Amino acid sequence: MKYAVIYESATGNTKQLAEAVRTELGVEKCVCFAAVSEIEENMEEKIKEADVFFLGFWTDKGDCSEKMGKYMETLCGRKVFLFGTAGFGGAEAYFAQILSRVSAHLGEGSMIAGSYMCQGRMPESVRRRYESMLEKNPGDEKIQAMIENFDRALAHPDEKDTERLRQKVKELNI
């Protein structure tokens, strides 16, 4: 079984998960390990050899980025495993909504073989924005909860997150 790992990672979270996938499956069967922006035309033939595509994304407004979405549209009739990170994490229902939106980008006939999501750290600029919002609305519990979530996310993805992903990949039996 040959596989490709293609990801987009704004803060390094998704790349960390991509590396866990490659570690679990072994480098020798990997026909491509690259950020979606690094894929060049001369790589396309090699990528087509993949039996399974592991596609990693960061969550952008409840979906994958536009760049990843456009790449996913080119994959028709492929077996795909989606994995991603979201700054607001923890709730499986929220993750399921994101995965549903992301999977809608896949080209015709592609099949989801599996999926995984976990929380991921966000840039410090996000915390500063939340703090600014709190200054304008002191005592706002919703904004305070956003800051608390930001602080919790700083440790993610952690070892437990990557181990859960590796287990999901292992369960594919590919």
Protein backbone atom coordinates (compact mmCIF):
# COMPACT_ATOMS: atom_id res chain seq x y z
CA MET A 1 0.00 0.00 0.00
CA LYS A 2 1.39 3.37 -1.03
CA TYR A 3 0.18 6.57 0.56
CA ALA A 4 0.52 10.33 0.35
CA VAL A 5 0.41 12.83 3.20
CA ILE A 6 -0.59 16.28 2.02
CA TYR A 7 -1.30 18.98 4.55
CA GLU A 8 -1.57 22.66 5.23
CA SER A 9 -0.29 23.97 8.53
CA ALA A 10 -0.43 27.62 9.55
CA THR A 11 1.07 27.20 13.03
CA GLY A 12 2.80 23.81 12.84
CA ASN A 13 -0.04 21.89 14.51
CA THR A 14 -1.20 20.04 11.41
CA LYS A 15 2.36 19.34 10.28
CA GLN A 16 2.94 17.70 13.67
CA LEU A 17 -0.03 15.41 13.01
CA ALA A 18 1.16 14.74 9.44
CA GLU A 19 4.50 13.61 10.81
CA ALA A 20 2.70 11.25 13.23
CA VAL A 21 0.87 9.66 10.27
CA ARG A 22 4.13 9.15 8.39
CA THR A 23 5.80 7.71 11.48
CA GLU A 24 2.95 5.27 11.97
CA LEU A 25 2.87 4.08 8.35
CA GLY A 26 6.58 4.14 7.63
CA VAL A 27 8.54 6.33 5.25
CA GLU A 28 9.21 3.59 2.71
CA LYS A 29 5.56 3.45 1.50
CA CYS A 30 5.13 7.24 1.35
CA VAL A 31 5.02 8.55 -2.23
CA CYS A 32 4.55 12.16 -1.12
CA PHE A 33 4.88 14.09 2.13
CA ALA A 34 4.32 17.78 1.43
CA ALA A 35 2.45 20.91 2.27
CA VAL A 36 -0.23 21.54 -0.34
CA SER A 37 1.60 24.72 -1.40
CA GLU A 38 4.79 22.71 -2.06
CA ILE A 39 3.23 20.32 -4.57
CA GLU A 40 4.67 20.89 -8.01
CA GLU A 41 3.48 19.60 -11.36
CA ASN A 42 6.40 17.20 -11.61
CA MET A 43 5.19 15.51 -8.40
CA GLU A 44 1.70 14.72 -9.71
CA GLU A 45 2.63 11.41 -11.38
CA LYS A 46 4.24 10.11 -8.20
CA ILE A 47 1.29 11.27 -6.10
CA LYS A 48 -1.13 9.38 -8.37
CA GLU A 49 0.53 6.14 -7.19
CA ALA A 50 -0.98 6.61 -3.73
CA ASP A 51 -3.64 4.13 -2.66
CA VAL A 52 -4.66 6.36 0.25
CA PHE A 53 -4.43 10.12 0.70
CA PHE A 54 -3.97 11.49 4.22
CA LEU A 55 -5.09 15.11 4.02
CA GLY A 56 -4.35 17.44 6.91
CA PHE A 57 -5.84 20.87 7.43
CA TRP A 58 -6.16 23.66 9.95
CA THR A 59 -9.62 25.02 10.60
CA ASP A 60 -10.37 28.33 8.95
CA LYS A 61 -13.81 29.73 9.80
CA GLY A 62 -15.22 26.25 10.37
CA ASP A 63 -13.74 24.74 7.19
CA CYS A 64 -10.36 23.93 5.69
CA SER A 65 -8.43 26.68 3.96
CA GLU A 66 -9.31 27.63 0.42
CA LYS A 67 -6.00 26.22 -0.83
CA MET A 68 -6.66 22.79 0.71
CA GLY A 69 -10.27 22.82 -0.48
CA LYS A 70 -9.18 23.45 -4.06
CA TYR A 71 -6.65 20.63 -3.87
CA MET A 72 -9.28 18.26 -2.49
CA GLU A 73 -11.53 19.04 -5.46
CA THR A 74 -8.88 17.52 -7.75
CA LEU A 75 -9.03 14.17 -5.96
CA CYS A 76 -11.67 12.05 -7.67
CA GLY A 77 -12.31 8.40 -6.90
CA ARG A 78 -9.70 8.32 -4.13
CA LYS A 79 -9.58 6.82 -0.66
CA VAL A 80 -9.00 9.65 1.82
CA PHE A 81 -8.28 10.00 5.52
CA LEU A 82 -8.93 13.53 6.81
CA PHE A 83 -7.16 14.96 9.84
CA GLY A 84 -7.23 18.44 11.23
CA THR A 85 -6.77 20.85 14.08
CA ALA A 86 -9.10 23.50 15.42
CA GLY A 87 -8.35 26.23 17.94
CA PHE A 88 -11.73 25.69 19.56
CA GLY A 89 -11.52 22.06 20.48
CA GLY A 90 -12.94 19.40 22.64
CA ALA A 91 -16.51 19.08 21.40
CA GLU A 92 -16.96 16.10 19.09
CA ALA A 93 -20.10 17.67 17.60
CA TYR A 94 -18.08 20.74 16.57
CA PHE A 95 -15.37 18.55 15.05
CA ALA A 96 -18.03 16.54 13.16
CA GLN A 97 -19.43 19.76 11.65
CA ILE A 98 -15.97 20.79 10.48
CA LEU A 99 -15.25 17.37 8.99
CA SER A 100 -18.58 17.43 7.16
CA ARG A 101 -17.77 20.81 5.58
CA VAL A 102 -14.23 19.75 4.69
CA SER A 103 -15.28 16.43 3.16
CA ALA A 104 -17.68 18.29 0.85
CA HIS A 105 -14.59 19.58 -1.02
CA LEU A 106 -13.58 16.10 -2.18
CA GLY A 107 -13.88 15.33 -5.85
CA GLU A 108 -16.51 12.99 -7.23
CA GLY A 109 -16.26 9.36 -6.17
CA SER A 110 -13.78 9.88 -3.35
CA MET A 111 -14.37 7.91 -0.19
CA ILE A 112 -13.59 8.89 3.40
CA ALA A 113 -11.64 6.00 4.94
CA GLY A 114 -11.35 7.73 8.30
CA SER A 115 -10.94 11.04 10.05
CA TYR A 116 -9.47 12.64 13.12
CA MET A 117 -9.54 16.08 14.71
CA CYS A 118 -8.03 17.61 17.80
CA GLN A 119 -7.49 21.00 19.32
CA GLY A 120 -4.50 23.03 18.16
CA ARG A 121 -2.71 26.07 19.49
CA MET A 122 -3.48 29.43 17.93
CA PRO A 123 -1.20 32.39 17.19
CA GLU A 124 -0.60 34.87 20.03
CA SER A 125 -2.32 37.53 17.93
CA VAL A 126 -5.62 35.75 18.60
CA ARG A 127 -5.18 36.11 22.37
CA ARG A 128 -4.33 39.79 21.98
CA ARG A 129 -7.51 40.26 19.94
CA TYR A 130 -9.56 38.55 22.68
CA GLU A 131 -7.89 40.70 25.36
CA SER A 132 -8.74 43.82 23.37
CA MET A 133 -12.34 42.67 23.12
CA LEU A 134 -12.41 42.08 26.89
CA GLU A 135 -11.06 45.59 27.53
CA LYS A 136 -14.00 47.00 25.60
CA ASN A 137 -16.47 44.65 27.36
CA PRO A 138 -15.11 44.00 30.87
CA GLY A 139 -16.68 41.01 32.55
CA ASP A 140 -17.99 39.49 29.31
CA GLU A 141 -18.11 35.78 30.15
CA LYS A 142 -18.10 34.67 26.53
CA ILE A 143 -14.88 36.56 25.80
CA GLN A 144 -13.34 35.31 29.04
CA ALA A 145 -14.20 31.74 27.98
CA MET A 146 -12.50 32.39 24.62
CA ILE A 147 -9.32 33.46 26.44
CA GLU A 148 -9.48 30.38 28.67
CA ASN A 149 -9.90 28.17 25.59
CA PHE A 150 -6.91 29.88 23.97
CA ASP A 151 -4.80 29.09 27.03
CA ARG A 152 -5.92 25.43 27.05
CA ALA A 153 -5.12 25.13 23.35
CA LEU A 154 -1.47 26.15 23.89
CA ALA A 155 -0.56 22.58 24.84
CA HIS A 156 -2.15 21.00 21.75
CA PRO A 157 -1.65 18.91 19.84
CA ASP A 158 -0.05 17.00 22.69
CA GLU A 159 1.26 13.44 22.92
CA LYS A 160 -2.23 12.08 23.65
CA ASP A 161 -3.58 13.82 20.55
CA THR A 162 -0.89 12.35 18.28
CA GLU A 163 -1.26 8.92 19.87
CA ARG A 164 -5.03 8.94 19.21
CA LEU A 165 -4.34 9.84 15.58
CA ARG A 166 -1.76 7.08 15.24
CA GLN A 167 -4.28 4.61 16.68
CA LYS A 168 -6.94 5.69 14.16
CA VAL A 169 -4.43 5.26 11.34
CA LYS A 170 -3.42 1.84 12.68
CA GLU A 171 -7.10 0.77 12.80
CA LEU A 172 -7.40 1.36 9.04
CA ASN A 173 -5.49 -1.89 8.43
CA ILE A 174 -3.95 -0.61 5.24
